[in-house]
């Protein structure tokens, strides 16, 4: 029997039987920028700020030498506005370095971030660099030392760890806190930004805790060791020299040298940061005056040390640029005595010794 069905009707499929096709996801998020691209962008920005800093250093050299270490916040007046404004909505999330490397800062919705968020982001990044090796008297006490260690090693270490090992999202701790990403704009888009694994939060929290406890313990141990060494007798020199209006900062340390012949020698090392630019004619005079202070206050210095070394630094530091002139002179204790007292020690030390003897019960 012949099939009289219309061929077109044979291939007709009911509309209800057609399977619903799931639309493919829309990829609109740029991929995360790699570490090296971010590093190159940062180096370009540092170079730009460094050129600005050098110009400032040349124009205001005398003033900067006169304020020495206290000039470091001047660099923040350029660093924070530069990164804060350029990485925000105002600058499209791109500094000059980021524009060259075609990367940008974005929030979780792939939008440029607000100015306040960008400012806090750069402050978190700048703090470890600001306090690293910042030698000012206010920081030379146990509490300040602990705080600086927490910022430099705690926060700085957390930033370093997350930038290197958070490979999925490439969010530093500053990005994690503020919910930001650094993206590579021209690359093939992705569906959404990745999420940082919780393990990185745990590691950074543990690290900061270890630094906080470790810095406190090391501070206590250092204080205990200093009080039990001959160097403790020279610590009064630190107080005397630190009160000298000619110096920003002072360091008093000792160094032990073990010779190949088995002889051991110890040197007292005094380091000062001179206020202003020191001339060549003043350098030796300042060094002599420092050693004279040592002899006047520690007449038995030869019982503990074989030599005395004086380091004099005349410098400025504005964070984005610095300049310095260093001078050092070293001699044996007896060599210094002949330099400071060519005609012999003054007789004033005899009444002083007699007064000390009479004071003994």
Protein backbone atom coordinates (compact mmCIF):
# COMPACT_ATOMS: atom_id res chain seq x y z
CA UNK A 1 0.00 0.00 0.00
CA UNK A 2 1.43 3.30 -1.05
CA UNK A 3 2.13 5.93 1.54
CA UNK A 4 0.17 8.99 0.50
CA UNK A 5 1.56 11.21 3.28
CA UNK A 6 3.04 14.48 2.13
CA UNK A 7 6.84 14.32 2.41
CA UNK A 8 6.88 17.74 4.08
CA UNK A 9 4.57 16.45 6.78
CA UNK A 10 6.91 13.53 7.48
CA UNK A 11 9.71 15.85 8.70
CA UNK A 12 7.46 18.17 10.64
CA UNK A 13 8.27 18.15 14.36
CA UNK A 14 5.80 19.54 16.86
CA UNK A 15 6.91 22.91 18.18
CA UNK A 16 6.53 21.71 21.78
CA UNK A 17 9.06 18.98 21.12
CA UNK A 18 11.87 21.44 20.21
CA UNK A 19 14.54 21.47 22.92
CA UNK A 20 15.31 24.80 24.56
CA UNK A 21 18.84 25.91 23.72
CA UNK A 22 20.73 27.35 26.71
CA UNK A 23 22.38 30.63 25.73
CA UNK A 24 26.12 30.75 26.10
CA UNK A 25 27.45 32.87 29.00
CA UNK A 26 28.42 36.42 28.20
CA UNK A 27 32.09 37.14 28.87
CA UNK A 28 32.47 40.81 29.74
CA UNK A 29 35.11 40.88 32.50
CA UNK A 30 38.73 41.51 31.51
CA UNK A 31 41.21 38.91 32.76
CA UNK A 32 43.41 39.44 35.79
CA UNK A 33 46.75 41.09 35.10
CA UNK A 34 49.89 39.06 35.65
CA UNK A 35 52.46 39.93 38.31
CA UNK A 36 55.24 41.02 35.97
CA UNK A 37 52.99 43.38 34.02
CA UNK A 38 51.96 45.04 37.28
CA UNK A 39 55.59 45.26 38.39
CA UNK A 40 56.66 46.94 35.15
CA UNK A 41 53.81 49.44 35.45
CA UNK A 42 54.89 50.20 39.02
CA UNK A 43 58.52 50.70 37.95
CA UNK A 44 57.42 53.19 35.29
CA UNK A 45 55.41 55.13 37.87
CA UNK A 46 58.32 55.07 40.34
CA UNK A 47 60.60 56.41 37.61
CA UNK A 48 58.19 59.28 36.94
CA UNK A 49 57.94 60.16 40.64
CA UNK A 50 61.71 59.76 40.99
CA UNK A 51 62.34 62.35 38.28
CA UNK A 52 59.99 64.75 40.07
CA UNK A 53 61.79 64.00 43.34
CA UNK A 54 65.22 64.71 41.85
CA UNK A 55 64.02 68.05 40.51
CA UNK A 56 62.72 68.94 43.97
CA UNK A 57 66.03 67.82 45.48
CA UNK A 58 68.03 70.09 43.16
CA UNK A 59 65.82 73.14 43.59
CA UNK A 60 65.36 72.86 47.37
CA UNK A 61 68.65 71.18 48.25
CA UNK A 62 69.65 73.43 51.16
CA UNK A 63 66.22 73.22 52.77
CA UNK A 64 66.01 69.45 52.39
CA UNK A 65 69.45 68.91 53.95
CA UNK A 66 68.32 71.05 56.87
CA UNK A 67 65.28 68.85 57.59
CA UNK A 68 67.04 65.56 56.82
CA UNK A 69 64.90 62.50 57.68
CA UNK A 70 61.85 64.64 58.39
CA UNK A 71 61.46 65.25 54.66
CA UNK A 72 60.18 61.77 53.89
CA UNK A 73 56.46 62.76 54.21
CA UNK A 74 57.08 65.27 51.40
CA UNK A 75 57.18 62.33 49.01
CA UNK A 76 53.71 61.29 50.16
CA UNK A 77 52.39 64.66 48.98
CA UNK A 78 53.14 63.43 45.45
CA UNK A 79 52.77 59.66 45.80
CA UNK A 80 49.30 59.56 47.36
CA UNK A 81 47.66 62.10 44.99
CA UNK A 82 49.34 60.52 41.96
CA UNK A 83 48.25 56.95 42.63
CA UNK A 84 45.08 57.94 44.49
CA UNK A 85 43.68 60.09 41.72
CA UNK A 86 44.95 58.15 38.70
CA UNK A 87 43.81 54.74 39.99
CA UNK A 88 40.31 56.08 40.78
CA UNK A 89 37.36 56.96 38.57
CA UNK A 90 38.97 60.33 37.93
CA UNK A 91 41.94 58.76 36.15
CA UNK A 92 40.03 55.82 34.72
CA UNK A 93 41.80 53.43 37.08
CA UNK A 94 45.13 53.89 35.31
CA UNK A 95 48.39 55.61 36.21
CA UNK A 96 50.80 56.40 33.37
CA UNK A 97 52.56 53.11 34.01
CA UNK A 98 49.29 51.19 33.90
CA UNK A 99 48.27 52.90 30.66
CA UNK A 100 51.52 51.87 29.01
CA UNK A 101 51.10 48.28 30.23
CA UNK A 102 47.35 48.33 29.39
CA UNK A 103 46.16 47.39 32.88
CA UNK A 104 43.72 49.09 35.24
CA UNK A 105 42.27 48.96 38.75
CA UNK A 106 38.65 47.81 38.96
CA UNK A 107 36.13 46.85 41.64
CA UNK A 108 34.30 43.51 41.76
CA UNK A 109 31.77 44.82 39.20
CA UNK A 110 34.52 45.79 36.73
CA UNK A 111 34.08 49.50 37.36
CA UNK A 112 36.71 52.12 38.30
CA UNK A 113 36.86 52.65 42.05
CA UNK A 114 35.96 55.71 44.12
CA UNK A 115 38.62 58.26 45.07
CA UNK A 116 38.49 57.46 48.80
CA UNK A 117 38.92 53.76 48.12
CA UNK A 118 41.89 54.45 45.83
CA UNK A 119 43.54 56.71 48.43
CA UNK A 120 43.24 54.08 51.18
CA UNK A 121 44.62 51.48 48.77
CA UNK A 122 47.80 53.46 48.08
CA UNK A 123 48.22 54.37 51.76
CA UNK A 124 48.26 50.67 52.67
CA UNK A 125 50.85 50.08 49.96
CA UNK A 126 52.99 53.09 50.92
CA UNK A 127 53.15 52.54 54.70
CA UNK A 128 55.83 49.80 54.70
CA UNK A 129 58.02 51.87 52.37
CA UNK A 130 57.44 55.04 54.39
CA UNK A 131 58.58 53.54 57.69
CA UNK A 132 61.33 51.29 56.32
CA UNK A 133 64.69 52.58 57.62
CA UNK A 134 63.14 55.88 58.65
CA UNK A 135 65.60 57.08 61.29
CA UNK A 136 64.06 59.75 63.46
CA UNK A 137 64.42 60.00 67.26
CA UNK A 138 60.71 59.45 67.98
CA UNK A 139 60.99 55.93 66.55
CA UNK A 140 63.99 54.94 68.67
CA UNK A 141 62.10 53.39 71.58
CA UNK A 142 60.67 49.88 72.20
CA UNK A 143 57.02 50.77 71.50
CA UNK A 144 57.81 52.56 68.25
CA UNK A 145 60.17 49.75 67.21
CA UNK A 146 57.40 47.20 67.75
CA UNK A 147 54.92 49.29 65.74
CA UNK A 148 57.37 49.79 62.89
CA UNK A 149 58.12 46.06 62.78
CA UNK A 150 54.40 45.37 62.56
CA UNK A 151 54.01 47.76 59.61
CA UNK A 152 57.22 46.90 57.74
CA UNK A 153 57.36 43.14 58.26
CA UNK A 154 53.71 42.40 59.11
CA UNK A 155 51.83 44.48 56.53
CA UNK A 156 54.76 44.48 54.08
CA UNK A 157 55.12 40.70 54.33
CA UNK A 158 51.38 40.21 53.86
CA UNK A 159 51.44 42.34 50.70
CA UNK A 160 54.45 40.44 49.35
CA UNK A 161 52.94 37.03 50.10
CA UNK A 162 49.55 37.72 48.53
CA UNK A 163 51.03 39.39 45.46
CA UNK A 164 53.27 36.39 44.78
CA UNK A 165 51.24 33.39 45.90
CA UNK A 166 47.65 34.50 45.28
CA UNK A 167 48.02 33.46 41.66
CA UNK A 168 44.34 32.97 40.93
CA UNK A 169 43.09 36.47 41.71
CA UNK A 170 46.45 38.29 42.02
CA UNK A 171 44.97 40.38 44.81
CA UNK A 172 47.45 41.81 47.30
CA UNK A 173 46.24 42.24 50.86
CA UNK A 174 45.42 45.87 49.98
CA UNK A 175 43.22 44.63 47.13
CA UNK A 176 41.56 42.05 49.36
CA UNK A 177 40.73 44.61 52.03
CA UNK A 178 39.24 47.08 49.53
CA UNK A 179 37.73 44.59 47.07
CA UNK A 180 39.77 45.65 44.06
CA UNK A 181 41.39 43.86 41.13
CA UNK A 182 44.06 44.82 38.60
CA UNK A 183 42.98 43.68 35.13
CA UNK A 184 44.57 43.36 31.69
CA UNK A 185 42.22 45.27 29.41
CA UNK A 186 42.96 44.06 25.84
CA UNK A 187 43.00 40.33 26.60
CA UNK A 188 40.15 37.92 25.90
CA UNK A 189 37.36 38.57 28.44
CA UNK A 190 36.29 36.11 31.13
CA UNK A 191 32.90 35.38 32.70
CA UNK A 192 33.67 36.86 36.14
CA UNK A 193 36.53 37.77 38.44
CA UNK A 194 37.99 34.86 40.44
CA UNK A 195 37.67 34.65 44.20
CA UNK A 196 40.75 34.56 46.42
CA UNK A 197 40.99 31.25 48.32
CA UNK A 198 40.42 31.58 52.07
CA UNK A 199 43.81 30.03 52.79
CA UNK A 200 45.52 33.30 51.84
CA UNK A 201 43.49 35.20 54.45
CA UNK A 202 44.52 32.61 57.04
CA UNK A 203 48.22 32.72 56.11
CA UNK A 204 48.40 36.51 56.21
CA UNK A 205 46.57 36.68 59.55
CA UNK A 206 48.92 34.12 61.09
CA UNK A 207 51.93 35.94 59.65
CA UNK A 208 50.91 39.31 61.12
CA UNK A 209 50.32 37.63 64.49
CA UNK A 210 53.76 36.00 64.42
CA UNK A 211 55.42 39.32 63.58
CA UNK A 212 53.54 41.12 66.36
CA UNK A 213 54.60 38.58 69.00
CA UNK A 214 58.11 38.09 67.61
CA UNK A 215 58.88 41.81 67.47
CA UNK A 216 57.80 42.21 71.08
CA UNK A 217 59.97 39.31 72.25
CA UNK A 218 63.01 40.52 70.26
CA UNK A 219 62.64 43.99 71.74
CA UNK A 220 62.67 42.59 75.28
CA UNK A 221 65.65 40.32 74.54
CA UNK A 222 67.64 43.16 72.97
CA UNK A 223 67.05 45.40 75.99
CA UNK A 224 68.21 42.62 78.32
CA UNK A 225 71.37 41.89 76.29
CA UNK A 226 72.39 45.54 76.10
CA UNK A 227 72.20 45.92 79.88
CA UNK A 228 74.64 43.01 80.34
CA UNK A 229 77.38 44.05 77.92
CA UNK A 230 80.21 46.61 78.09
CA UNK A 231 78.29 48.53 75.44
CA UNK A 232 75.83 49.51 78.17
CA UNK A 233 78.52 51.80 79.57
CA UNK A 234 78.59 53.62 76.25
CA UNK A 235 74.83 54.03 76.13
CA UNK A 236 75.15 57.26 78.10
CA UNK A 237 77.10 58.56 75.10
CA UNK A 238 73.99 58.01 73.00
CA UNK A 239 71.91 60.25 75.30
CA UNK A 240 74.59 62.94 75.32
CA UNK A 241 75.10 62.92 71.56
CA UNK A 242 71.38 62.68 70.83
CA UNK A 243 70.87 65.90 72.79
CA UNK A 244 73.50 67.60 70.65
CA UNK A 245 71.63 70.13 68.44
CA UNK A 246 73.99 69.41 65.53
CA UNK A 247 72.61 65.91 64.90
CA UNK A 248 69.30 64.44 63.76
CA UNK A 249 70.01 60.89 64.87
CA UNK A 250 72.81 59.07 66.64
CA UNK A 251 73.91 55.45 66.79
CA UNK A 252 76.39 53.95 69.29
CA UNK A 253 77.51 50.39 68.56
CA UNK A 254 80.46 48.07 68.95
CA UNK A 255 82.19 45.78 66.48
CA UNK A 256 84.44 42.81 67.22
CA UNK A 257 87.15 41.81 64.75
CA UNK A 258 88.81 38.40 64.90
CA UNK A 259 92.25 38.53 63.31
CA UNK A 260 93.96 35.65 61.54
CA UNK A 261 96.67 35.66 64.24
CA UNK A 262 94.06 34.92 66.90
CA UNK A 263 94.00 38.48 68.23
CA UNK A 264 90.61 40.01 68.91
CA UNK A 265 89.99 43.73 68.67
CA UNK A 266 86.88 45.72 69.50
CA UNK A 267 85.89 49.08 68.07
CA UNK A 268 83.38 51.65 69.23
CA UNK A 269 81.37 52.94 66.25
CA UNK A 270 79.52 56.24 66.50
CA UNK A 271 77.20 57.20 63.63
CA UNK A 272 75.57 60.63 63.39
CA UNK A 273 73.22 62.29 60.91
CA UNK A 274 74.43 65.88 60.70
CA UNK A 275 71.88 68.68 60.35
CA UNK A 276 72.40 70.56 57.10
CA UNK A 277 75.06 70.07 54.45
CA UNK A 278 78.46 69.53 56.07
CA UNK A 279 81.48 71.04 54.31
CA UNK A 280 84.85 69.36 53.91
CA UNK A 281 86.42 71.77 56.39
CA UNK A 282 83.85 70.90 59.05
CA UNK A 283 84.02 67.11 58.79
CA UNK A 284 87.23 66.50 60.73
CA UNK A 285 86.28 69.12 63.33
CA UNK A 286 82.93 67.42 63.94
CA UNK A 287 84.59 63.99 64.18
CA UNK A 288 87.15 65.34 66.68
CA UNK A 289 84.41 66.93 68.77
CA UNK A 290 82.52 63.63 68.92
CA UNK A 291 85.59 61.72 70.07
CA UNK A 292 86.30 64.43 72.66
CA UNK A 293 82.81 63.89 74.06
CA UNK A 294 83.60 60.18 74.29
CA UNK A 295 86.86 60.80 76.18
CA UNK A 296 85.26 63.38 78.47
CA UNK A 297 82.48 61.01 79.50
CA UNK A 298 84.18 57.60 79.21
CA UNK A 299 87.79 58.06 80.33
CA UNK A 300 88.32 54.31 80.66
CA UNK A 301 87.17 53.69 77.09
CA UNK A 302 90.52 52.05 76.35
CA UNK A 303 89.63 49.20 78.72
CA UNK A 304 86.82 48.11 76.43
CA UNK A 305 87.79 49.21 72.93
CA UNK A 306 90.93 49.23 70.79
CA UNK A 307 89.67 51.75 68.26
CA UNK A 308 87.00 54.37 67.62
CA UNK A 309 85.26 54.93 64.29
CA UNK A 310 83.09 57.96 63.55
CA UNK A 311 80.61 57.97 60.66
CA UNK A 312 79.12 61.33 59.69
CA UNK A 313 76.23 61.52 57.25
CA UNK A 314 74.80 64.69 55.76
CA UNK A 315 71.67 63.71 53.87
CA UNK A 316 68.03 64.23 52.99
CA UNK A 317 65.25 61.76 52.27
CA UNK A 318 61.90 62.70 50.76
CA UNK A 319 60.80 59.17 49.95
CA UNK A 320 60.81 59.58 46.18
CA UNK A 321 64.38 60.93 46.13
CA UNK A 322 67.35 61.24 48.44
CA UNK A 323 70.83 62.68 48.57
CA UNK A 324 73.71 62.13 50.95
CA UNK A 325 77.32 62.91 51.71
CA UNK A 326 79.17 60.39 53.89
CA UNK A 327 82.42 60.80 55.77
CA UNK A 328 84.12 58.44 58.18
CA UNK A 329 87.36 58.40 60.08
CA UNK A 330 88.84 55.66 62.24
CA UNK A 331 91.84 55.40 64.55
CA UNK A 332 93.05 53.58 67.63
CA UNK A 333 92.09 54.91 71.04
CA UNK A 334 95.64 56.15 71.62
CA UNK A 335 95.74 57.67 68.16
CA UNK A 336 92.61 59.62 68.93
CA UNK A 337 94.06 60.75 72.28
CA UNK A 338 97.03 62.27 70.48
CA UNK A 339 94.69 63.90 67.94
CA UNK A 340 92.36 65.41 70.52
CA UNK A 341 94.96 66.16 73.23
CA UNK A 342 98.30 66.80 71.47
CA UNK A 343 99.75 68.18 74.72
CA UNK A 344 98.43 65.35 76.86
CA UNK A 345 95.16 64.86 78.71
CA UNK A 346 93.97 67.94 80.61
CA UNK A 347 94.61 68.04 84.33
CA UNK A 348 90.93 68.35 84.98
CA UNK A 349 90.57 64.58 85.15
CA UNK A 350 92.68 64.41 88.36
CA UNK A 351 90.22 66.34 90.56
CA UNK A 352 87.46 64.32 88.95
CA UNK A 353 89.10 61.04 89.98
CA UNK A 354 89.76 62.40 93.47
CA UNK A 355 86.14 63.43 93.81
CA UNK A 356 85.02 59.93 92.82
CA UNK A 357 87.47 58.40 95.30
CA UNK A 358 86.23 60.61 98.15
CA UNK A 359 82.67 59.64 97.30
CA UNK A 360 83.44 55.97 97.99
CA UNK A 361 82.24 55.09 101.54
